[in-house]
Amino acid sequence: MKKSLIVLAFAAALATSVAPALAADRPDSWVTLKTKIALMTTEGVHTTSLNVDTVKGVVTLHGKVRSESERTKAGEVAKSIEGAKTVKNLLQVVPVAEENAVKEKDDLIEDRVKAAFDANTQVKNSGISIASVNDGVVLLKGNAKSLDAHWRAIELAHGVRGVRRVASEVSVNDAPPAAHTSNSR
């Protein structure tokens, strides 16, 4: 009886220690992609000159941001990603000169984003669509077939002229919807 209690206690301890280890041992490519998506959809982090690399769970952020607070926020976002063991924040703070942005009409922006989605086979039938465009902010919705498709849709929308930010309420399979927004160029 005592021996079976010891075995049972060991099995319970093993079961509780394995689950967190599996979550922390995400593939580096998955961690990189999740970090990029989070950074591109976080309001207050401009990602036009941002690169993410992950090696053995160590996430390294490279590139330029506009302010120290943006640099700090990007580091915090990267640290919050499941599987990110540590974060090396090598972002440089380079303030951008004030730019006169010409506001595009939202319907024109929506047409451009739709055209970009239709031209990309990975996004076209991915389950992701445009919920709305308001003052240059594109809101994506749907249930993506893959994390790669979600990333590609955000990236495509970001690249469209006139887009100021991309927000995403896209779910990936059974993952909860993202509730982030992102600034564009």
N, C-alpha and C. Protein backbone atom coordinates (compact mmCIF):
# COMPACT_ATOMS: atom_id res chain seq x y z
N MET A 1 0.83 -1.19 0.00
CA MET A 1 0.00 0.00 0.00
C MET A 1 0.88 1.25 0.00
N LYS A 2 1.90 1.28 0.85
CA LYS A 2 2.78 2.43 0.95
C LYS A 2 3.52 2.64 -0.38
N LYS A 3 3.92 1.54 -1.00
CA LYS A 3 4.64 1.61 -2.27
C LYS A 3 3.75 2.20 -3.36
N SER A 4 2.48 1.81 -3.39
CA SER A 4 1.56 2.34 -4.41
C SER A 4 1.28 3.81 -4.17
N LEU A 5 1.25 4.26 -2.93
CA LEU A 5 1.07 5.69 -2.65
C LEU A 5 2.27 6.50 -3.13
N ILE A 6 3.46 5.96 -2.98
CA ILE A 6 4.67 6.63 -3.45
C ILE A 6 4.65 6.73 -4.97
N VAL A 7 4.27 5.64 -5.64
CA VAL A 7 4.19 5.63 -7.10
C VAL A 7 3.14 6.64 -7.57
N LEU A 8 1.99 6.66 -6.90
CA LEU A 8 0.92 7.59 -7.25
C LEU A 8 1.36 9.04 -7.05
N ALA A 9 2.05 9.33 -5.97
CA ALA A 9 2.55 10.68 -5.71
C ALA A 9 3.58 11.08 -6.76
N PHE A 10 4.45 10.15 -7.14
CA PHE A 10 5.44 10.43 -8.17
C PHE A 10 4.77 10.71 -9.51
N ALA A 11 3.76 9.91 -9.85
CA ALA A 11 3.04 10.10 -11.11
C ALA A 11 2.34 11.46 -11.14
N ALA A 12 1.74 11.85 -10.02
CA ALA A 12 1.06 13.16 -9.95
C ALA A 12 2.07 14.29 -10.09
N ALA A 13 3.21 14.17 -9.45
CA ALA A 13 4.24 15.20 -9.55
C ALA A 13 4.77 15.29 -10.98
N LEU A 14 4.95 14.15 -11.60
CA LEU A 14 5.43 14.12 -12.98
C LEU A 14 4.41 14.76 -13.93
N ALA A 15 3.15 14.45 -13.74
CA ALA A 15 2.11 15.00 -14.61
C ALA A 15 2.04 16.52 -14.50
N THR A 16 2.18 17.07 -13.30
CA THR A 16 2.10 18.53 -13.16
C THR A 16 3.36 19.21 -13.64
N SER A 17 4.48 18.52 -13.66
CA SER A 17 5.71 19.16 -14.13
C SER A 17 5.88 19.03 -15.64
N VAL A 18 5.21 18.07 -16.29
CA VAL A 18 5.36 17.88 -17.72
C VAL A 18 4.54 18.90 -18.51
N ALA A 19 3.33 19.22 -18.06
CA ALA A 19 2.47 20.15 -18.81
C ALA A 19 3.13 21.50 -19.02
N PRO A 20 3.68 22.16 -17.97
CA PRO A 20 4.33 23.45 -18.22
C PRO A 20 5.56 23.29 -19.11
N ALA A 21 6.26 22.19 -18.98
CA ALA A 21 7.46 21.99 -19.81
C ALA A 21 7.08 21.91 -21.28
N LEU A 22 5.97 21.23 -21.58
CA LEU A 22 5.55 21.14 -22.97
C LEU A 22 5.18 22.51 -23.53
N ALA A 23 4.48 23.32 -22.73
CA ALA A 23 4.10 24.66 -23.19
C ALA A 23 5.33 25.53 -23.40
N ALA A 24 6.32 25.38 -22.55
CA ALA A 24 7.53 26.20 -22.65
C ALA A 24 8.45 25.74 -23.77
N ASP A 25 8.26 24.53 -24.25
CA ASP A 25 9.13 23.99 -25.29
C ASP A 25 8.51 24.11 -26.67
N ARG A 26 7.90 25.22 -26.95
CA ARG A 26 7.35 25.48 -28.28
C ARG A 26 8.50 25.57 -29.27
N PRO A 27 8.29 25.18 -30.53
CA PRO A 27 9.35 25.33 -31.54
C PRO A 27 9.71 26.81 -31.71
N ASP A 28 10.96 27.07 -31.98
CA ASP A 28 11.43 28.45 -32.14
C ASP A 28 10.67 29.19 -33.22
N SER A 29 10.35 28.51 -34.31
CA SER A 29 9.62 29.18 -35.40
C SER A 29 8.24 29.61 -34.93
N TRP A 30 7.59 28.80 -34.08
CA TRP A 30 6.28 29.14 -33.54
C TRP A 30 6.40 30.36 -32.63
N VAL A 31 7.39 30.38 -31.76
CA VAL A 31 7.60 31.51 -30.85
C VAL A 31 7.86 32.79 -31.64
N THR A 32 8.70 32.68 -32.68
CA THR A 32 9.00 33.84 -33.52
C THR A 32 7.73 34.38 -34.17
N LEU A 33 6.93 33.50 -34.75
CA LEU A 33 5.72 33.92 -35.44
C LEU A 33 4.71 34.52 -34.46
N LYS A 34 4.51 33.90 -33.32
CA LYS A 34 3.59 34.44 -32.31
C LYS A 34 4.07 35.81 -31.83
N THR A 35 5.39 35.97 -31.68
CA THR A 35 5.94 37.26 -31.24
C THR A 35 5.70 38.32 -32.30
N LYS A 36 5.95 37.98 -33.56
CA LYS A 36 5.72 38.94 -34.65
C LYS A 36 4.26 39.36 -34.70
N ILE A 37 3.35 38.40 -34.60
CA ILE A 37 1.93 38.72 -34.63
C ILE A 37 1.57 39.63 -33.46
N ALA A 38 2.04 39.29 -32.28
CA ALA A 38 1.74 40.11 -31.11
C ALA A 38 2.28 41.52 -31.26
N LEU A 39 3.51 41.64 -31.76
CA LEU A 39 4.11 42.97 -31.92
C LEU A 39 3.41 43.77 -33.01
N MET A 40 3.03 43.11 -34.09
CA MET A 40 2.36 43.82 -35.19
C MET A 40 0.94 44.22 -34.83
N THR A 41 0.36 43.60 -33.83
CA THR A 41 -1.01 43.91 -33.45
C THR A 41 -1.11 44.59 -32.09
N THR A 42 0.00 45.10 -31.60
CA THR A 42 0.01 45.82 -30.33
C THR A 42 0.05 47.31 -30.61
N GLU A 43 -0.96 48.00 -30.12
CA GLU A 43 -1.00 49.45 -30.31
C GLU A 43 0.17 50.08 -29.57
N GLY A 44 0.81 51.03 -30.22
CA GLY A 44 1.93 51.72 -29.59
C GLY A 44 3.28 51.12 -29.92
N VAL A 45 3.30 50.07 -30.74
CA VAL A 45 4.57 49.48 -31.19
C VAL A 45 4.57 49.54 -32.71
N HIS A 46 5.43 50.39 -33.27
CA HIS A 46 5.55 50.52 -34.72
C HIS A 46 6.54 49.47 -35.21
N THR A 47 6.10 48.61 -36.10
CA THR A 47 6.88 47.44 -36.47
C THR A 47 7.51 47.49 -37.84
N THR A 48 7.59 48.64 -38.45
CA THR A 48 8.11 48.69 -39.81
C THR A 48 9.58 48.31 -39.89
N SER A 49 10.33 48.53 -38.84
CA SER A 49 11.76 48.19 -38.85
C SER A 49 12.09 47.23 -37.72
N LEU A 50 11.25 46.24 -37.53
CA LEU A 50 11.42 45.34 -36.40
C LEU A 50 11.64 43.92 -36.90
N ASN A 51 12.63 43.24 -36.35
CA ASN A 51 12.91 41.84 -36.69
C ASN A 51 12.92 41.02 -35.41
N VAL A 52 12.47 39.77 -35.53
CA VAL A 52 12.42 38.86 -34.39
C VAL A 52 13.13 37.57 -34.77
N ASP A 53 14.03 37.12 -33.91
CA ASP A 53 14.70 35.84 -34.07
C ASP A 53 14.56 35.06 -32.77
N THR A 54 14.39 33.75 -32.87
CA THR A 54 14.30 32.91 -31.68
C THR A 54 15.22 31.71 -31.85
N VAL A 55 16.07 31.49 -30.87
CA VAL A 55 16.97 30.34 -30.86
C VAL A 55 16.90 29.73 -29.47
N LYS A 56 16.44 28.47 -29.40
CA LYS A 56 16.30 27.74 -28.14
C LYS A 56 15.50 28.51 -27.11
N GLY A 57 14.43 29.17 -27.58
CA GLY A 57 13.55 29.90 -26.68
C GLY A 57 14.00 31.30 -26.33
N VAL A 58 15.18 31.68 -26.78
CA VAL A 58 15.68 33.04 -26.53
C VAL A 58 15.25 33.92 -27.70
N VAL A 59 14.39 34.88 -27.42
CA VAL A 59 13.84 35.78 -28.44
C VAL A 59 14.73 37.02 -28.49
N THR A 60 15.17 37.37 -29.69
CA THR A 60 15.98 38.57 -29.88
C THR A 60 15.22 39.53 -30.78
N LEU A 61 15.06 40.76 -30.29
CA LEU A 61 14.41 41.82 -31.05
C LEU A 61 15.47 42.73 -31.64
N HIS A 62 15.41 42.95 -32.95
CA HIS A 62 16.35 43.83 -33.66
C HIS A 62 15.54 44.91 -34.37
N GLY A 63 16.18 46.01 -34.68
CA GLY A 63 15.53 47.02 -35.49
C GLY A 63 15.44 48.35 -34.78
N LYS A 64 14.48 49.15 -35.24
CA LYS A 64 14.35 50.52 -34.74
C LYS A 64 12.92 50.76 -34.28
N VAL A 65 12.80 51.50 -33.20
CA VAL A 65 11.51 51.95 -32.71
C VAL A 65 11.59 53.46 -32.50
N ARG A 66 10.45 54.08 -32.29
CA ARG A 66 10.39 55.54 -32.23
C ARG A 66 10.69 56.13 -30.85
N SER A 67 10.53 55.33 -29.79
CA SER A 67 10.73 55.89 -28.45
C SER A 67 11.18 54.79 -27.48
N GLU A 68 11.67 55.23 -26.33
CA GLU A 68 12.10 54.28 -25.30
C GLU A 68 10.89 53.50 -24.76
N SER A 69 9.74 54.17 -24.64
CA SER A 69 8.56 53.47 -24.16
C SER A 69 8.11 52.38 -25.15
N GLU A 70 8.28 52.65 -26.43
CA GLU A 70 7.97 51.66 -27.46
C GLU A 70 8.93 50.47 -27.36
N ARG A 71 10.18 50.76 -27.11
CA ARG A 71 11.19 49.71 -26.94
C ARG A 71 10.83 48.82 -25.75
N THR A 72 10.48 49.45 -24.64
CA THR A 72 10.10 48.72 -23.43
C THR A 72 8.86 47.88 -23.66
N LYS A 73 7.86 48.47 -24.31
CA LYS A 73 6.61 47.76 -24.57
C LYS A 73 6.85 46.54 -25.46
N ALA A 74 7.68 46.69 -26.49
CA ALA A 74 7.99 45.57 -27.38
C ALA A 74 8.64 44.43 -26.59
N GLY A 75 9.55 44.77 -25.69
CA GLY A 75 10.20 43.75 -24.86
C GLY A 75 9.21 43.03 -23.96
N GLU A 76 8.27 43.79 -23.38
CA GLU A 76 7.26 43.18 -22.51
C GLU A 76 6.34 42.24 -23.29
N VAL A 77 5.96 42.68 -24.48
CA VAL A 77 5.10 41.83 -25.33
C VAL A 77 5.83 40.53 -25.67
N ALA A 78 7.09 40.63 -26.05
CA ALA A 78 7.87 39.43 -26.40
C ALA A 78 7.99 38.50 -25.19
N LYS A 79 8.19 39.05 -24.01
CA LYS A 79 8.31 38.22 -22.80
C LYS A 79 7.03 37.48 -22.48
N SER A 80 5.89 38.02 -22.91
CA SER A 80 4.60 37.41 -22.58
C SER A 80 4.24 36.23 -23.49
N ILE A 81 5.02 36.00 -24.52
CA ILE A 81 4.72 34.94 -25.47
C ILE A 81 5.06 33.57 -24.87
N GLU A 82 4.13 32.66 -24.97
CA GLU A 82 4.35 31.30 -24.48
C GLU A 82 5.55 30.69 -25.20
N GLY A 83 6.49 30.17 -24.45
CA GLY A 83 7.67 29.55 -25.05
C GLY A 83 8.87 30.46 -25.10
N ALA A 84 8.68 31.76 -24.85
CA ALA A 84 9.81 32.70 -24.81
C ALA A 84 10.47 32.57 -23.44
N LYS A 85 11.67 32.01 -23.42
CA LYS A 85 12.36 31.80 -22.15
C LYS A 85 13.02 33.08 -21.66
N THR A 86 13.66 33.80 -22.55
CA THR A 86 14.23 35.11 -22.24
C THR A 86 14.14 35.97 -23.49
N VAL A 87 14.29 37.28 -23.30
CA VAL A 87 14.22 38.21 -24.42
C VAL A 87 15.44 39.11 -24.40
N LYS A 88 16.11 39.20 -25.55
CA LYS A 88 17.21 40.14 -25.74
C LYS A 88 16.64 41.29 -26.56
N ASN A 89 16.52 42.45 -25.93
CA ASN A 89 15.93 43.59 -26.59
C ASN A 89 17.04 44.48 -27.14
N LEU A 90 17.35 44.30 -28.42
CA LEU A 90 18.41 45.06 -29.08
C LEU A 90 17.85 46.19 -29.95
N LEU A 91 16.61 46.57 -29.67
CA LEU A 91 15.98 47.62 -30.46
C LEU A 91 16.65 48.97 -30.20
N GLN A 92 16.83 49.72 -31.27
CA GLN A 92 17.41 51.06 -31.18
C GLN A 92 16.29 52.08 -31.22
N VAL A 93 16.41 53.11 -30.39
CA VAL A 93 15.42 54.18 -30.39
C VAL A 93 15.85 55.24 -31.40
N VAL A 94 15.05 55.39 -32.45
CA VAL A 94 15.33 56.37 -33.50
C VAL A 94 14.04 57.13 -33.76
N PRO A 95 13.91 58.34 -33.18
CA PRO A 95 12.67 59.11 -33.39
C PRO A 95 12.45 59.43 -34.87
N VAL A 96 11.21 59.30 -35.30
CA VAL A 96 10.86 59.57 -36.68
C VAL A 96 10.40 61.03 -36.77
N ALA A 97 10.88 61.72 -37.79
CA ALA A 97 10.45 63.09 -38.02
C ALA A 97 8.94 63.09 -38.26
N GLU A 98 8.33 64.15 -37.86
CA GLU A 98 6.87 64.27 -38.05
C GLU A 98 6.55 64.14 -39.53
N GLU A 99 5.65 63.22 -39.85
CA GLU A 99 5.28 63.00 -41.24
C GLU A 99 3.86 63.45 -41.48
N ASN A 100 3.63 64.06 -42.62
CA ASN A 100 2.27 64.42 -43.00
C ASN A 100 1.68 63.23 -43.72
N ALA A 101 0.78 62.54 -43.04
CA ALA A 101 0.14 61.37 -43.64
C ALA A 101 -1.16 61.81 -44.30
N VAL A 102 -1.31 61.41 -45.52
CA VAL A 102 -2.54 61.70 -46.24
C VAL A 102 -3.54 60.61 -45.90
N LYS A 103 -4.65 61.01 -45.35
CA LYS A 103 -5.67 60.03 -45.00
C LYS A 103 -6.37 59.55 -46.27
N GLU A 104 -6.38 58.28 -46.41
CA GLU A 104 -7.07 57.69 -47.55
C GLU A 104 -8.52 57.42 -47.14
N LYS A 105 -9.37 57.40 -48.10
CA LYS A 105 -10.74 57.05 -47.81
C LYS A 105 -10.78 55.58 -47.42
N ASP A 106 -11.55 55.29 -46.38
CA ASP A 106 -11.61 53.93 -45.86
C ASP A 106 -12.06 52.91 -46.88
N ASP A 107 -13.00 53.27 -47.74
CA ASP A 107 -13.46 52.30 -48.73
C ASP A 107 -12.36 51.96 -49.73
N LEU A 108 -11.53 52.93 -50.05
CA LEU A 108 -10.40 52.68 -50.95
C LEU A 108 -9.37 51.77 -50.28
N ILE A 109 -9.11 52.01 -49.01
CA ILE A 109 -8.19 51.17 -48.25
C ILE A 109 -8.73 49.74 -48.19
N GLU A 110 -10.03 49.60 -47.91
CA GLU A 110 -10.64 48.27 -47.83
C GLU A 110 -10.51 47.53 -49.16
N ASP A 111 -10.74 48.24 -50.26
CA ASP A 111 -10.59 47.63 -51.58
C ASP A 111 -9.15 47.16 -51.81
N ARG A 112 -8.19 47.96 -51.39
CA ARG A 112 -6.78 47.59 -51.56
C ARG A 112 -6.41 46.37 -50.72
N VAL A 113 -6.90 46.33 -49.49
CA VAL A 113 -6.60 45.18 -48.62
C VAL A 113 -7.26 43.92 -49.20
N LYS A 114 -8.51 44.03 -49.63
CA LYS A 114 -9.20 42.87 -50.24
C LYS A 114 -8.43 42.38 -51.47
N ALA A 115 -7.96 43.31 -52.29
CA ALA A 115 -7.19 42.92 -53.48
C ALA A 115 -5.90 42.21 -53.09
N ALA A 116 -5.24 42.69 -52.05
CA ALA A 116 -4.01 42.04 -51.58
C ALA A 116 -4.31 40.64 -51.06
N PHE A 117 -5.41 40.48 -50.33
CA PHE A 117 -5.81 39.17 -49.81
C PHE A 117 -6.15 38.23 -50.97
N ASP A 118 -6.91 38.73 -51.96
CA ASP A 118 -7.31 37.89 -53.10
C ASP A 118 -6.11 37.45 -53.94
N ALA A 119 -5.07 38.26 -53.97
CA ALA A 119 -3.88 37.94 -54.77
C ALA A 119 -2.94 36.97 -54.06
N ASN A 120 -3.19 36.70 -52.79
CA ASN A 120 -2.31 35.83 -52.02
C ASN A 120 -3.03 34.52 -51.73
N THR A 121 -2.53 33.42 -52.29
CA THR A 121 -3.22 32.12 -52.13
C THR A 121 -3.28 31.66 -50.67
N GLN A 122 -2.31 32.02 -49.87
CA GLN A 122 -2.31 31.60 -48.46
C GLN A 122 -3.41 32.30 -47.68
N VAL A 123 -3.73 33.52 -48.05
CA VAL A 123 -4.73 34.30 -47.30
C VAL A 123 -6.12 34.20 -47.93
N LYS A 124 -6.18 34.06 -49.25
CA LYS A 124 -7.45 34.10 -49.98
C LYS A 124 -8.50 33.15 -49.40
N ASN A 125 -8.15 31.94 -49.12
CA ASN A 125 -9.10 30.95 -48.60
C ASN A 125 -8.76 30.54 -47.17
N SER A 126 -8.23 31.48 -46.40
CA SER A 126 -7.74 31.17 -45.05
C SER A 126 -8.80 31.27 -43.97
N GLY A 127 -9.96 31.85 -44.30
CA GLY A 127 -10.98 32.07 -43.28
C GLY A 127 -10.86 33.44 -42.64
N ILE A 128 -9.96 34.27 -43.13
CA ILE A 128 -9.74 35.61 -42.58
C ILE A 128 -10.36 36.63 -43.53
N SER A 129 -11.07 37.59 -42.97
CA SER A 129 -11.65 38.64 -43.79
C SER A 129 -11.57 39.98 -43.05
N ILE A 130 -11.99 41.01 -43.74
CA ILE A 130 -11.96 42.36 -43.18
C ILE A 130 -13.30 42.60 -42.51
N ALA A 131 -13.26 42.92 -41.22
CA ALA A 131 -14.50 43.24 -40.50
C ALA A 131 -14.88 44.69 -40.77
N SER A 132 -13.88 45.58 -40.76
CA SER A 132 -14.15 46.99 -41.01
C SER A 132 -12.85 47.74 -41.25
N VAL A 133 -13.00 48.95 -41.80
CA VAL A 133 -11.89 49.89 -41.91
C VAL A 133 -12.43 51.22 -41.41
N ASN A 134 -11.77 51.78 -40.41
CA ASN A 134 -12.23 53.02 -39.81
C ASN A 134 -11.04 53.94 -39.58
N ASP A 135 -11.00 55.04 -40.33
CA ASP A 135 -9.93 56.02 -40.20
C ASP A 135 -8.56 55.38 -40.39
N GLY A 136 -8.47 54.47 -41.37
CA GLY A 136 -7.20 53.83 -41.68
C GLY A 136 -6.85 52.63 -40.82
N VAL A 137 -7.74 52.26 -39.88
CA VAL A 137 -7.51 51.11 -39.00
C VAL A 137 -8.30 49.93 -39.57
N VAL A 138 -7.59 48.89 -39.96
CA VAL A 138 -8.20 47.69 -40.54
C VAL A 138 -8.42 46.68 -39.43
N LEU A 139 -9.67 46.22 -39.29
CA LEU A 139 -10.01 45.19 -38.31
C LEU A 139 -10.24 43.88 -39.06
N LEU A 140 -9.44 42.86 -38.70
CA LEU A 140 -9.56 41.54 -39.32
C LEU A 140 -10.40 40.65 -38.42
N LYS A 141 -11.13 39.72 -39.04
CA LYS A 141 -11.96 38.77 -38.30
C LYS A 141 -11.86 37.40 -38.95
N GLY A 142 -12.38 36.40 -38.27
CA GLY A 142 -12.46 35.07 -38.85
C GLY A 142 -11.75 34.03 -38.01
N ASN A 143 -11.70 32.84 -38.57
CA ASN A 143 -11.03 31.71 -37.93
C ASN A 143 -9.98 31.21 -38.92
N ALA A 144 -8.74 31.57 -38.67
CA ALA A 144 -7.65 31.24 -39.59
C ALA A 144 -7.37 29.74 -39.57
N LYS A 145 -7.01 29.23 -40.74
CA LYS A 145 -6.65 27.82 -40.85
C LYS A 145 -5.29 27.53 -40.26
N SER A 146 -4.44 28.58 -40.15
CA SER A 146 -3.11 28.37 -39.58
C SER A 146 -2.57 29.68 -39.02
N LEU A 147 -1.59 29.56 -38.16
CA LEU A 147 -0.92 30.72 -37.60
C LEU A 147 -0.18 31.48 -38.70
N ASP A 148 0.39 30.74 -39.66
CA ASP A 148 1.08 31.38 -40.79
C ASP A 148 0.12 32.25 -41.60
N ALA A 149 -1.09 31.76 -41.83
CA ALA A 149 -2.07 32.54 -42.59
C ALA A 149 -2.45 33.81 -41.82
N HIS A 150 -2.60 33.69 -40.52
CA HIS A 150 -2.91 34.86 -39.69
C HIS A 150 -1.80 35.90 -39.81
N TRP A 151 -0.58 35.44 -39.66
CA TRP A 151 0.59 36.33 -39.79
C TRP A 151 0.62 36.99 -41.16
N ARG A 152 0.41 36.21 -42.21
CA ARG A 152 0.50 36.73 -43.57
C ARG A 152 -0.60 37.77 -43.83
N ALA A 153 -1.82 37.54 -43.30
CA ALA A 153 -2.91 38.50 -43.47
C ALA A 153 -2.57 39.84 -42.80
N ILE A 154 -2.03 39.77 -41.60
CA ILE A 154 -1.63 40.99 -40.89
C ILE A 154 -0.53 41.71 -41.67
N GLU A 155 0.44 40.94 -42.13
CA GLU A 155 1.56 41.51 -42.88
C GLU A 155 1.07 42.18 -44.18
N LEU A 156 0.17 41.50 -44.91
CA LEU A 156 -0.37 42.07 -46.14
C LEU A 156 -1.14 43.36 -45.87
N ALA A 157 -2.00 43.33 -44.86
CA ALA A 157 -2.78 44.53 -44.54
C ALA A 157 -1.86 45.68 -44.15
N HIS A 158 -0.83 45.38 -43.38
CA HIS A 158 0.14 46.41 -42.98
C HIS A 158 0.79 47.08 -44.19
N GLY A 159 1.01 46.32 -45.22
CA GLY A 159 1.72 46.83 -46.39
C GLY A 159 0.88 47.67 -47.34
N VAL A 160 -0.41 47.76 -47.08
CA VAL A 160 -1.30 48.50 -47.98
C VAL A 160 -1.21 50.00 -47.69
N ARG A 161 -1.08 50.76 -48.76
CA ARG A 161 -0.97 52.22 -48.63
C ARG A 161 -2.23 52.77 -47.96
N GLY A 162 -2.04 53.64 -46.97
CA GLY A 162 -3.14 54.27 -46.26
C GLY A 162 -3.49 53.58 -44.96
N VAL A 163 -3.04 52.34 -44.75
CA VAL A 163 -3.34 51.64 -43.50
C VAL A 163 -2.48 52.22 -42.39
N ARG A 164 -3.16 52.69 -41.33
CA ARG A 164 -2.43 53.23 -40.18
C ARG A 164 -2.15 52.17 -39.14
N ARG A 165 -3.10 51.23 -39.01
CA ARG A 165 -2.98 50.20 -37.98
C ARG A 165 -3.78 48.98 -38.41
N VAL A 166 -3.40 47.82 -37.87
CA VAL A 166 -4.17 46.60 -38.10
C VAL A 166 -4.57 46.06 -36.74
N ALA A 167 -5.86 45.79 -36.59
CA ALA A 167 -6.37 45.15 -35.38
C ALA A 167 -6.86 43.77 -35.78
N SER A 168 -6.76 42.82 -34.87
CA SER A 168 -7.12 41.45 -35.22
C SER A 168 -8.01 40.82 -34.16
N GLU A 169 -9.13 40.29 -34.63
CA GLU A 169 -10.00 39.45 -33.81
C GLU A 169 -10.05 38.05 -34.42
N VAL A 170 -8.96 37.66 -35.02
CA VAL A 170 -8.86 36.38 -35.70
C VAL A 170 -8.50 35.29 -34.70
N SER A 171 -9.20 34.19 -34.78
CA SER A 171 -8.88 33.00 -34.00
C SER A 171 -8.09 32.06 -34.89
N VAL A 172 -7.20 31.30 -34.29
CA VAL A 172 -6.47 30.29 -35.03
C VAL A 172 -6.93 28.95 -34.47
N ASN A 173 -7.72 28.24 -35.28
CA ASN A 173 -8.35 26.98 -34.86
C ASN A 173 -9.08 27.19 -33.55
N ASP A 174 -8.62 26.56 -32.46
CA ASP A 174 -9.32 26.69 -31.19
C ASP A 174 -8.67 27.71 -30.26
N ALA A 175 -7.73 28.51 -30.76
CA ALA A 175 -7.10 29.54 -29.94
C ALA A 175 -8.08 30.68 -29.74
N PRO A 176 -8.01 31.37 -28.58
CA PRO A 176 -8.91 32.51 -28.35
C PRO A 176 -8.57 33.66 -29.29
N PRO A 177 -9.54 34.52 -29.61
CA PRO A 177 -9.27 35.63 -30.53
C PRO A 177 -8.21 36.56 -29.98
N ALA A 178 -7.38 37.07 -30.88
CA ALA A 178 -6.40 38.05 -30.48
C ALA A 178 -7.11 39.37 -30.24
N ALA A 179 -6.68 40.11 -29.26
CA ALA A 179 -7.31 41.40 -28.96
C ALA A 179 -6.24 42.47 -28.95
N HIS A 180 -5.49 42.52 -30.02
CA HIS A 180 -4.40 43.47 -30.12
C HIS A 180 -4.65 44.40 -31.30
N THR A 181 -4.00 45.55 -31.27
CA THR A 181 -3.99 46.43 -32.43
C THR A 181 -2.55 46.77 -32.75
N SER A 182 -2.34 47.22 -33.95
CA SER A 182 -0.98 47.47 -34.40
C SER A 182 -0.88 48.78 -35.16
N ASN A 183 0.21 49.42 -35.04
CA ASN A 183 0.47 50.62 -35.82
C ASN A 183 1.25 50.27 -37.05
N SER A 184 1.00 51.00 -38.11
CA SER A 184 1.72 50.79 -39.35
C SER A 184 2.66 51.94 -39.57
N ARG A 185 3.22 52.00 -40.73
CA ARG A 185 4.21 53.03 -41.06
C ARG A 185 3.67 54.40 -40.90
